[in-house]
Amino acid sequence: MLKIFNTETRQKEELYVKNRRMKMYTCGPTIYDFAHIGNFRTYVFEDLLRRSLFYFGFQVEQAMNLTDVDDKTIRGALQKKISLHEYTEPFKQAFFEDLKTLNIQKVEHYPSATDFIPQMIQMIQKLIQKGYVYEGSDGSLYFSIAKFPSYGRLSHLNLKELKGNASGENSADEYDKDHVADFVLWKAYHAERDGNIFWESPFGRGRPGWHIECSAMATALLGDSIDIHCGGVDNMFPHHENEIAQSEGCTGCHFVRLWVHVEHLLVNHKKMSKSLGNFYTLRDLQKQGYSGAEVRYLLLSTHYRTQLNFTLDGLEAARASLKRVHEISLRLRSIQGERPEIGLLEKAKLCFQEALSDDLNISSALAALFNLIRELNTAIDNQKLGQKEACLALSLFQEWDQVLAVLPLEKKEEEVPLELLDMLKIRDVARREKNWALSDQMRDAILKKGYIIEDTPQGSKLKNSP
């Protein structure tokens, strides 16, 4: 059984649904700028979780929201004197391009907040009817956490110790709230702040608060109760806590069965910050010559509940790890002839499955991969691996890559210039005839062209020099 750590209960829980259909909601980006690698650490994990669910036989319906109504998006649109859509659309498209670069599976729903304003208004109206809402002096509407007794059950925080701006809103009227953790559902229109960006509602002009957006989109697309809700650990409080309160206050149903949160990403052991010069988008790393696969590998290689320290040295290590996978795939494809099976695959497969099933223990899963690679290389070196077992090993790697989505298994050997292949043939003949002078001459000529010679049991091969 697949077990995942539930933030709310603080324990690993078996995933079980009668029809094996999982409904999952994941908090997506605020599309006011390019997403950074801290964001993508969370999105890569969520993709790993989604792929693992499929691997263990579940069907998944997933929604990832796109926040296009927010203080930052509105400020950016007003500064550029363009519509909200014109401002956010380029960042939305860039986000989808980045998802493709990182080989993150496309999910079933990508709702934008601006497309669900009516559902947000309806949800606020129901909360008003049920007595959860009060009005501030400026006409903004707030959710009263005092009316929701289980508030705080996700984050396990002591609400008496909370300080100002606990709602997570950039609001100038914190003093206007009954409790510091009360949060805005509808922001009344403010001409200087909002310009020409507002929506009409029964409560007057304004716009929804950040928290109500996710609740409205999640319940509209996936239903009143969903199986899994994911996000970064920084979203646990107040955002996810507020989602629980307003969703359950509105529907009367248990909102989420399993909460999953991803730890922070650090860069060189420090919080990522533009002022520190350690702030990276995916595009920044691509300009430095790193591939999407190398970035993905590094982002997924540390367990999601452990902080990830991101470094350029780590990217180099990711490149080396993927090179090992590529090299073994080429060696396996070159195996010919049959030999008795040596039984390496079943144990490796079991180790990989057990690691994944234990809260997606990616470190142990990758250890199973590289232990198998080492054993396969040894078997090939000792000429103990037959073609049938080599093909089965490749199939197993392809099966695992349905989860990891990063292994370079399909690449073919590089095309080597015919001139160099002729030199290699001359060199091989010279070696057989013990004409060492001619052999060395061909070797040196090949090296000058940027290639090295690998002598294997299957014959000599040429590779680009590192």
Protein backbone atom coordinates (compact mmCIF):
# COMPACT_ATOMS: atom_id res chain seq x y z
CA MET A 1 0.00 0.00 0.00
CA LEU A 2 1.14 3.51 -0.79
CA LYS A 3 1.57 5.53 2.42
CA ILE A 4 1.85 9.33 2.48
CA PHE A 5 2.51 11.64 5.44
CA ASN A 6 -0.63 13.61 6.31
CA THR A 7 0.24 17.06 7.64
CA GLU A 8 -3.03 17.28 9.55
CA THR A 9 -2.65 14.01 11.50
CA ARG A 10 1.18 14.11 11.57
CA GLN A 11 1.44 10.47 10.52
CA LYS A 12 1.78 8.31 7.41
CA GLU A 13 -1.55 7.10 6.11
CA GLU A 14 -2.45 4.43 3.57
CA LEU A 15 -4.09 5.78 0.47
CA TYR A 16 -7.33 3.99 -0.13
CA VAL A 17 -10.45 4.83 -2.10
CA LYS A 18 -13.06 2.30 -3.19
CA ASN A 19 -12.93 3.08 -6.90
CA ARG A 20 -9.17 3.94 -6.89
CA ARG A 21 -9.98 7.38 -8.27
CA MET A 22 -8.07 10.18 -6.58
CA LYS A 23 -9.09 13.83 -6.72
CA MET A 24 -6.09 16.08 -6.10
CA TYR A 25 -5.75 19.85 -5.87
CA THR A 26 -2.36 21.55 -6.07
CA CYS A 27 -1.67 25.23 -5.47
CA GLY A 28 -0.17 26.69 -8.63
CA PRO A 29 1.73 29.93 -9.34
CA THR A 30 0.75 33.55 -9.02
CA ILE A 31 1.41 34.59 -12.59
CA TYR A 32 3.00 38.00 -12.08
CA ASP A 33 6.55 36.86 -13.01
CA PHE A 34 8.49 33.78 -14.08
CA ALA A 35 8.25 30.93 -11.58
CA HIS A 36 11.50 30.25 -9.68
CA ILE A 37 13.16 26.98 -8.74
CA GLY A 38 11.64 27.10 -5.27
CA ASN A 39 8.22 26.95 -6.91
CA PHE A 40 9.36 24.17 -9.20
CA ARG A 41 10.63 22.07 -6.33
CA THR A 42 6.99 21.82 -5.23
CA TYR A 43 5.63 21.29 -8.75
CA VAL A 44 8.19 18.55 -9.53
CA PHE A 45 7.25 16.75 -6.31
CA GLU A 46 3.55 17.03 -7.12
CA ASP A 47 4.32 15.49 -10.51
CA LEU A 48 6.24 12.69 -8.78
CA LEU A 49 3.24 12.09 -6.52
CA ARG A 50 0.83 12.09 -9.48
CA ARG A 51 3.00 9.66 -11.42
CA SER A 52 3.40 7.44 -8.36
CA LEU A 53 -0.37 7.28 -7.94
CA PHE A 54 -0.67 6.04 -11.51
CA TYR A 55 2.20 3.60 -10.88
CA PHE A 56 0.30 2.07 -7.96
CA GLY A 57 -2.88 1.69 -9.99
CA PHE A 58 -4.86 4.82 -9.10
CA GLN A 59 -6.63 7.12 -11.50
CA VAL A 60 -6.08 10.82 -10.86
CA GLU A 61 -8.12 13.93 -11.55
CA GLN A 62 -6.00 16.94 -10.68
CA ALA A 63 -6.54 20.69 -10.67
CA MET A 64 -3.74 23.25 -10.41
CA ASN A 65 -4.87 26.85 -10.06
CA LEU A 66 -3.33 29.89 -11.70
CA THR A 67 -3.64 32.96 -9.49
CA ASP A 68 -4.17 35.96 -11.74
CA VAL A 69 -6.09 38.10 -9.23
CA ASP A 70 -3.65 39.27 -6.59
CA ASP A 71 -2.02 42.44 -5.30
CA LYS A 72 1.08 41.74 -7.43
CA THR A 73 -0.77 41.04 -10.69
CA ILE A 74 -2.99 44.09 -10.28
CA ARG A 75 -0.04 46.32 -9.40
CA GLY A 76 1.90 45.07 -12.44
CA ALA A 77 -1.02 45.61 -14.82
CA LEU A 78 -1.66 49.14 -13.54
CA GLN A 79 2.02 50.08 -13.77
CA LYS A 80 2.16 48.94 -17.40
CA LYS A 81 -1.27 50.45 -18.13
CA ILE A 82 -2.60 47.23 -19.66
CA SER A 83 -5.41 44.86 -18.79
CA LEU A 84 -4.96 42.16 -16.17
CA HIS A 85 -5.18 39.48 -18.87
CA GLU A 86 -2.55 41.19 -21.03
CA TYR A 87 -0.20 41.37 -18.05
CA THR A 88 -0.58 37.79 -16.81
CA GLU A 89 -0.90 35.90 -20.12
CA PRO A 90 2.83 35.96 -21.04
CA PHE A 91 3.76 34.59 -17.59
CA LYS A 92 1.04 31.96 -17.87
CA GLN A 93 2.44 30.75 -21.20
CA ALA A 94 6.00 30.84 -19.82
CA PHE A 95 4.85 28.66 -16.93
CA PHE A 96 3.47 26.02 -19.30
CA GLU A 97 6.71 26.13 -21.29
CA ASP A 98 8.66 25.54 -18.09
CA LEU A 99 6.42 22.62 -17.14
CA LYS A 100 7.20 21.05 -20.51
CA THR A 101 10.95 21.63 -20.05
CA LEU A 102 10.80 19.83 -16.69
CA ASN A 103 8.68 17.01 -18.15
CA ILE A 104 5.87 17.70 -15.69
CA GLN A 105 2.70 15.92 -16.80
CA LYS A 106 -0.20 18.03 -17.95
CA VAL A 107 -3.04 17.83 -15.42
CA GLU A 108 -6.76 17.77 -16.08
CA HIS A 109 -7.64 21.32 -14.96
CA TYR A 110 -5.75 24.63 -14.91
CA PRO A 111 -8.35 27.07 -13.57
CA SER A 112 -7.59 30.78 -13.58
CA ALA A 113 -9.05 32.78 -10.73
CA THR A 114 -10.62 35.31 -13.10
CA ASP A 115 -12.77 32.54 -14.61
CA PHE A 116 -14.32 31.61 -11.25
CA ILE A 117 -15.34 34.96 -9.76
CA PRO A 118 -19.09 34.01 -9.80
CA GLN A 119 -18.35 30.82 -7.82
CA MET A 120 -16.34 32.83 -5.31
CA ILE A 121 -19.21 35.29 -4.86
CA GLN A 122 -21.66 32.40 -4.35
CA MET A 123 -19.40 30.85 -1.72
CA ILE A 124 -19.13 34.15 0.15
CA GLN A 125 -22.92 34.53 0.06
CA LYS A 126 -23.36 31.09 1.65
CA LEU A 127 -20.82 31.97 4.36
CA ILE A 128 -22.76 35.17 5.06
CA GLN A 129 -25.99 33.20 5.38
CA LYS A 130 -24.33 30.82 7.84
CA GLY A 131 -23.01 33.62 10.03
CA TYR A 132 -19.26 33.31 9.41
CA VAL A 133 -18.77 36.76 7.90
CA TYR A 134 -18.58 40.32 9.19
CA GLU A 135 -17.94 43.61 7.42
CA GLY A 136 -15.00 45.90 8.04
CA SER A 137 -15.21 49.67 8.14
CA ASP A 138 -14.15 49.96 4.48
CA GLY A 139 -16.78 47.48 3.29
CA SER A 140 -14.41 44.50 3.00
CA LEU A 141 -15.80 41.16 4.20
CA TYR A 142 -13.93 38.99 6.70
CA PHE A 143 -14.22 35.38 7.85
CA SER A 144 -14.47 35.12 11.63
CA ILE A 145 -12.32 32.20 12.82
CA ALA A 146 -14.11 32.37 16.19
CA LYS A 147 -17.13 30.90 14.39
CA PHE A 148 -15.10 27.89 13.20
CA PRO A 149 -14.03 25.95 16.34
CA SER A 150 -11.53 23.60 14.63
CA TYR A 151 -9.52 26.45 13.09
CA GLY A 152 -5.80 25.71 13.47
CA ARG A 153 -6.07 21.92 13.27
CA LEU A 154 -3.83 21.71 10.19
CA SER A 155 -0.96 23.90 11.32
CA HIS A 156 -1.30 23.10 15.06
CA LEU A 157 -0.54 26.73 15.90
CA ASN A 158 -1.47 28.47 19.14
CA LEU A 159 -3.86 31.13 17.90
CA LYS A 160 -3.47 33.18 21.09
CA GLU A 161 0.17 33.83 20.16
CA LEU A 162 -0.48 35.02 16.61
CA LYS A 163 0.62 38.54 15.71
CA GLY A 164 -0.55 41.03 13.11
CA ASN A 165 -1.09 40.08 9.46
CA ALA A 166 -1.62 36.43 10.37
CA SER A 167 -4.19 36.29 7.58
CA GLY A 168 -1.46 36.52 4.98
CA GLU A 169 -3.10 39.51 3.32
CA ASN A 170 -1.27 42.73 2.50
CA SER A 171 -4.03 44.69 4.13
CA ALA A 172 -3.69 48.16 5.59
CA ASP A 173 -6.66 47.66 7.92
CA GLU A 174 -5.43 44.86 10.18
CA TYR A 175 -6.76 46.85 13.14
CA ASP A 176 -10.24 46.57 11.63
CA LYS A 177 -10.46 42.80 12.31
CA ASP A 178 -11.93 41.05 15.32
CA HIS A 179 -8.99 38.62 15.48
CA VAL A 180 -5.55 38.87 13.87
CA ALA A 181 -6.14 35.54 12.07
CA ASP A 182 -9.47 36.60 10.55
CA PHE A 183 -9.02 36.80 6.80
CA VAL A 184 -10.54 38.77 3.97
CA LEU A 185 -13.06 37.09 1.68
CA TRP A 186 -13.89 40.15 -0.43
CA LYS A 187 -11.72 43.25 -0.70
CA ALA A 188 -13.75 46.41 -1.14
CA TYR A 189 -12.71 48.53 -4.10
CA HIS A 190 -9.95 51.06 -3.46
CA ALA A 191 -9.40 53.45 -6.37
CA GLU A 192 -5.73 54.19 -5.76
CA ARG A 193 -4.84 50.52 -5.22
CA ASP A 194 -7.13 48.84 -7.78
CA GLY A 195 -7.50 51.39 -10.61
CA ASN A 196 -9.89 49.97 -13.19
CA ILE A 197 -9.55 46.38 -12.02
CA PHE A 198 -12.62 45.29 -10.03
CA TRP A 199 -15.73 43.12 -10.15
CA GLU A 200 -19.32 43.95 -9.26
CA SER A 201 -20.92 41.87 -6.51
CA PRO A 202 -23.87 41.94 -4.08
CA PHE A 203 -21.36 43.33 -1.55
CA GLY A 204 -20.27 46.17 -3.84
CA ARG A 205 -17.30 46.64 -6.14
CA GLY A 206 -14.11 44.83 -5.28
CA ARG A 207 -12.28 41.56 -5.75
CA PRO A 208 -11.97 38.24 -3.98
CA GLY A 209 -9.35 37.52 -1.35
CA TRP A 210 -6.58 35.09 -2.20
CA HIS A 211 -7.82 32.26 0.03
CA ILE A 212 -11.39 32.09 -1.29
CA GLU A 213 -10.06 31.66 -4.82
CA CYS A 214 -8.63 28.19 -4.17
CA SER A 215 -11.66 26.98 -2.22
CA ALA A 216 -14.04 28.03 -4.98
CA MET A 217 -11.96 26.49 -7.76
CA ALA A 218 -11.28 23.26 -5.88
CA THR A 219 -14.89 22.59 -4.94
CA ALA A 220 -16.26 23.70 -8.32
CA LEU A 221 -13.99 21.31 -10.23
CA LEU A 222 -13.45 18.40 -7.82
CA GLY A 223 -16.42 18.46 -5.45
CA ASP A 224 -17.01 19.39 -1.81
CA SER A 225 -14.54 16.75 -0.56
CA ILE A 226 -11.21 15.97 -2.23
CA ASP A 227 -8.67 13.26 -1.53
CA ILE A 228 -5.31 15.09 -1.64
CA HIS A 229 -4.31 18.74 -1.39
CA CYS A 230 -0.65 19.68 -1.98
CA GLY A 231 1.45 22.80 -1.69
CA GLY A 232 4.61 24.29 -0.26
CA VAL A 233 5.05 24.25 3.50
CA ASP A 234 4.73 28.04 3.48
CA ASN A 235 1.12 27.62 2.29
CA MET A 236 0.14 25.54 5.34
CA PHE A 237 -0.65 28.65 7.37
CA PRO A 238 -2.54 30.72 6.75
CA HIS A 239 -3.60 29.77 3.22
CA HIS A 240 -4.53 26.12 3.65
CA GLU A 241 -5.87 26.68 7.15
CA ASN A 242 -8.17 29.32 5.71
CA GLU A 243 -9.21 27.05 2.84
CA ILE A 244 -10.39 24.46 5.36
CA ALA A 245 -12.38 26.99 7.36
CA GLN A 246 -14.20 28.65 4.46
CA SER A 247 -14.75 25.41 2.48
CA GLU A 248 -16.14 23.41 5.39
CA GLY A 249 -18.05 26.44 6.66
CA CYS A 250 -19.71 26.72 3.28
CA THR A 251 -20.39 23.06 2.40
CA GLY A 252 -20.56 21.34 5.80
CA CYS A 253 -18.37 18.55 4.34
CA HIS A 254 -14.87 17.46 5.30
CA PHE A 255 -12.74 19.35 2.77
CA VAL A 256 -9.51 17.30 2.40
CA ARG A 257 -8.61 13.76 3.44
CA LEU A 258 -4.83 14.10 3.07
CA TRP A 259 -2.70 17.24 3.23
CA VAL A 260 0.79 17.04 1.71
CA HIS A 261 3.37 19.82 2.09
CA VAL A 262 6.78 20.25 0.48
CA GLU A 263 9.68 21.73 2.45
CA HIS A 264 11.62 24.86 1.47
CA LEU A 265 14.36 25.06 -1.10
CA LEU A 266 17.54 26.85 -0.07
CA VAL A 267 20.32 28.05 -2.35
CA ASN A 268 23.81 27.56 -0.92
CA HIS A 269 22.17 27.07 2.50
CA LYS A 270 20.44 30.46 2.34
CA LYS A 271 16.91 31.55 1.58
CA MET A 272 16.62 32.41 -2.11
CA SER A 273 16.61 36.17 -2.62
CA LYS A 274 17.31 38.53 -5.49
CA SER A 275 19.22 40.79 -3.11
CA LEU A 276 21.60 37.92 -2.26
CA GLY A 277 22.16 37.09 -5.91
CA ASN A 278 21.02 33.48 -5.41
CA PHE A 279 17.63 33.75 -7.09
CA TYR A 280 17.13 31.42 -10.07
CA THR A 281 14.37 30.85 -12.55
CA LEU A 282 14.48 27.78 -14.75
CA ARG A 283 15.42 30.04 -17.64
CA ASP A 284 18.41 31.41 -15.72
CA LEU A 285 19.76 27.88 -15.34
CA GLN A 286 19.13 27.03 -18.98
CA LYS A 287 21.19 30.08 -19.99
CA GLN A 288 24.04 28.60 -17.94
CA GLY A 289 23.88 25.42 -19.98
CA TYR A 290 21.83 23.14 -17.73
CA SER A 291 19.02 21.04 -19.15
CA GLY A 292 15.49 20.62 -17.86
CA ALA A 293 16.30 16.98 -17.04
CA GLU A 294 19.29 17.99 -14.89
CA VAL A 295 17.21 20.55 -12.99
CA ARG A 296 14.34 18.08 -12.56
CA TYR A 297 16.68 15.38 -11.27
CA LEU A 298 18.16 17.68 -8.63
CA LEU A 299 14.74 18.99 -7.55
CA LEU A 300 13.26 15.50 -7.06
CA SER A 301 16.35 13.81 -5.59
CA THR A 302 15.76 14.94 -1.99
CA HIS A 303 12.76 13.73 0.02
CA TYR A 304 9.96 16.27 -0.13
CA ARG A 305 9.74 16.71 3.65
CA THR A 306 13.46 17.58 3.87
CA GLN A 307 14.85 20.99 2.95
CA LEU A 308 16.68 20.91 -0.38
CA ASN A 309 19.95 22.82 -0.68
CA PHE A 310 20.25 23.83 -4.33
CA THR A 311 23.76 24.45 -5.69
CA LEU A 312 25.43 24.51 -9.09
CA ASP A 313 27.67 21.70 -7.85
CA GLY A 314 24.47 19.76 -7.22
CA LEU A 315 23.48 20.33 -10.84
CA GLU A 316 26.85 18.99 -11.97
CA ALA A 317 26.26 15.90 -9.81
CA ALA A 318 22.81 15.52 -11.38
CA ARG A 319 24.43 15.68 -14.82
CA ALA A 320 26.89 12.94 -13.82
CA SER A 321 24.09 10.74 -12.46
CA LEU A 322 22.08 11.03 -15.66
CA LYS A 323 25.22 10.27 -17.67
CA ARG A 324 25.57 6.99 -15.76
CA VAL A 325 22.01 6.08 -16.71
CA HIS A 326 22.63 6.98 -20.35
CA GLU A 327 25.81 4.91 -20.47
CA ILE A 328 24.22 1.79 -19.00
CA SER A 329 21.32 2.08 -21.43
CA LEU A 330 23.80 2.11 -24.33
CA ARG A 331 25.70 -0.86 -22.91
CA LEU A 332 22.49 -2.84 -22.44
CA ARG A 333 21.43 -2.18 -26.03
CA SER A 334 24.76 -3.51 -27.28
CA ILE A 335 24.48 -6.90 -25.52
CA GLN A 336 24.29 -9.86 -27.87
CA GLY A 337 23.99 -13.59 -27.28
CA GLU A 338 22.27 -15.46 -24.49
CA ARG A 339 23.60 -16.46 -21.08
CA PRO A 340 21.98 -17.91 -17.94
CA GLU A 341 19.95 -15.29 -16.08
CA ILE A 342 21.68 -13.94 -12.98
CA GLY A 343 18.52 -12.66 -11.25
CA LEU A 344 19.33 -8.99 -10.60
CA LEU A 345 16.01 -7.43 -11.53
CA GLU A 346 13.35 -8.75 -9.14
CA LYS A 347 15.16 -7.59 -6.01
CA ALA A 348 15.78 -4.16 -7.53
CA LYS A 349 12.14 -3.83 -8.57
CA LEU A 350 10.94 -4.71 -5.08
CA CYS A 351 13.36 -2.21 -3.48
CA PHE A 352 12.12 0.55 -5.79
CA GLN A 353 8.46 -0.20 -5.08
CA GLU A 354 9.00 -0.41 -1.31
CA ALA A 355 10.83 2.92 -1.33
CA LEU A 356 8.10 4.69 -3.28
CA SER A 357 5.32 3.20 -1.17
CA ASP A 358 6.95 4.57 1.99
CA ASP A 359 5.98 8.24 1.66
CA LEU A 360 7.75 8.52 -1.72
CA ASN A 361 11.20 7.82 -0.28
CA ILE A 362 13.01 9.03 -3.37
CA SER A 363 16.51 8.61 -1.93
CA SER A 364 15.97 4.87 -1.48
CA ALA A 365 14.26 4.60 -4.87
CA LEU A 366 17.25 6.21 -6.59
CA ALA A 367 19.58 3.99 -4.56
CA ALA A 368 17.76 0.96 -6.01
CA LEU A 369 18.32 2.40 -9.49
CA PHE A 370 22.04 3.02 -9.10
CA ASN A 371 22.70 -0.21 -7.21
CA LEU A 372 21.20 -2.04 -10.17
CA ILE A 373 23.32 -0.02 -12.60
CA ARG A 374 26.47 -0.97 -10.69
CA GLU A 375 25.52 -4.66 -10.68
CA LEU A 376 24.67 -4.60 -14.38
CA ASN A 377 28.00 -2.96 -15.25
CA THR A 378 29.83 -5.63 -13.28
CA ALA A 379 27.90 -8.39 -15.03
CA ILE A 380 28.62 -6.88 -18.44
CA ASP A 381 32.31 -6.49 -17.63
CA ASN A 382 32.42 -10.17 -16.64
CA GLN A 383 30.42 -11.18 -19.75
CA LYS A 384 27.66 -12.70 -17.60
CA LEU A 385 24.69 -10.74 -18.95
CA GLY A 386 22.65 -12.07 -21.87
CA GLN A 387 20.56 -10.16 -24.38
CA LYS A 388 17.23 -11.25 -22.88
CA GLU A 389 18.12 -10.04 -19.38
CA ALA A 390 19.58 -6.83 -20.82
CA CYS A 391 16.27 -6.14 -22.58
CA LEU A 392 14.36 -6.84 -19.37
CA ALA A 393 16.63 -4.40 -17.52
CA LEU A 394 15.90 -1.71 -20.10
CA SER A 395 12.17 -2.39 -19.73
CA LEU A 396 12.47 -2.06 -15.96
CA PHE A 397 14.24 1.30 -16.32
CA GLN A 398 11.48 2.46 -18.67
CA GLU A 399 8.87 1.35 -16.13
CA TRP A 400 10.61 3.32 -13.39
CA ASP A 401 10.88 6.32 -15.67
CA GLN A 402 7.08 6.48 -15.83
CA VAL A 403 7.50 7.73 -12.25
CA LEU A 404 10.83 9.60 -12.42
CA ALA A 405 10.34 11.07 -15.91
CA VAL A 406 14.00 12.04 -16.15
CA LEU A 407 16.03 9.01 -17.26
CA PRO A 408 17.86 9.40 -20.63
CA LEU A 409 16.94 5.98 -22.00
CA GLU A 410 15.86 6.71 -25.56
CA LYS A 411 18.92 8.54 -26.79
CA LYS A 412 20.83 6.75 -29.50
CA GLU A 413 24.58 6.69 -29.77
CA GLU A 414 25.95 9.85 -31.32
CA GLU A 415 26.74 9.85 -34.99
CA VAL A 416 30.50 9.65 -35.43
CA PRO A 417 32.10 11.03 -38.62
CA LEU A 418 32.90 8.29 -41.15
CA GLU A 419 36.50 9.52 -41.32
CA LEU A 420 36.97 8.69 -37.63
CA LEU A 421 35.26 5.32 -37.95
CA ASP A 422 37.74 4.47 -40.71
CA MET A 423 40.61 5.51 -38.44
CA LEU A 424 39.19 3.29 -35.70
CA LYS A 425 39.09 0.29 -38.06
CA ILE A 426 42.71 0.90 -39.09
CA ARG A 427 43.70 1.16 -35.44
CA ASP A 428 41.91 -2.11 -34.57
CA VAL A 429 43.64 -3.96 -37.40
CA ALA A 430 46.99 -2.48 -36.40
CA ARG A 431 46.48 -3.66 -32.82
CA ARG A 432 45.66 -7.18 -33.94
CA GLU A 433 48.82 -7.16 -36.09
CA LYS A 434 50.79 -5.62 -33.20
CA ASN A 435 51.67 -2.60 -35.32
CA TRP A 436 51.80 -0.33 -32.29
CA ALA A 437 53.20 2.67 -34.14
CA LEU A 438 50.25 2.78 -36.55
CA SER A 439 47.81 2.04 -33.72
CA ASP A 440 49.14 4.97 -31.68
CA GLN A 441 49.07 7.22 -34.75
CA MET A 442 45.35 6.51 -35.32
CA ARG A 443 44.58 6.95 -31.60
CA ASP A 444 46.28 10.36 -31.51
CA ALA A 445 44.51 11.48 -34.68
CA ILE A 446 41.15 10.49 -33.18
CA LEU A 447 41.95 12.33 -29.93
CA LYS A 448 42.79 15.50 -31.84
CA LYS A 449 39.29 15.39 -33.34
CA GLY A 450 37.75 15.48 -29.85
CA TYR A 451 36.91 11.79 -29.45
CA ILE A 452 38.15 9.08 -27.13
CA ILE A 453 38.32 5.33 -27.71
CA GLU A 454 36.56 2.86 -25.43
CA ASP A 455 37.65 -0.78 -25.73
CA THR A 456 34.77 -3.05 -24.68
CA PRO A 457 34.14 -6.81 -24.92
CA GLN A 458 31.85 -5.97 -27.85
CA GLY A 459 34.60 -4.06 -29.68
CA SER A 460 36.03 -0.54 -29.86
CA LYS A 461 33.76 2.52 -29.75
CA LEU A 462 34.20 6.27 -30.09
CA LYS A 463 32.77 8.85 -27.69
CA ASN A 464 32.98 12.61 -27.52
CA SER A 465 35.73 13.63 -25.15
CA PRO A 466 34.30 15.27 -21.98
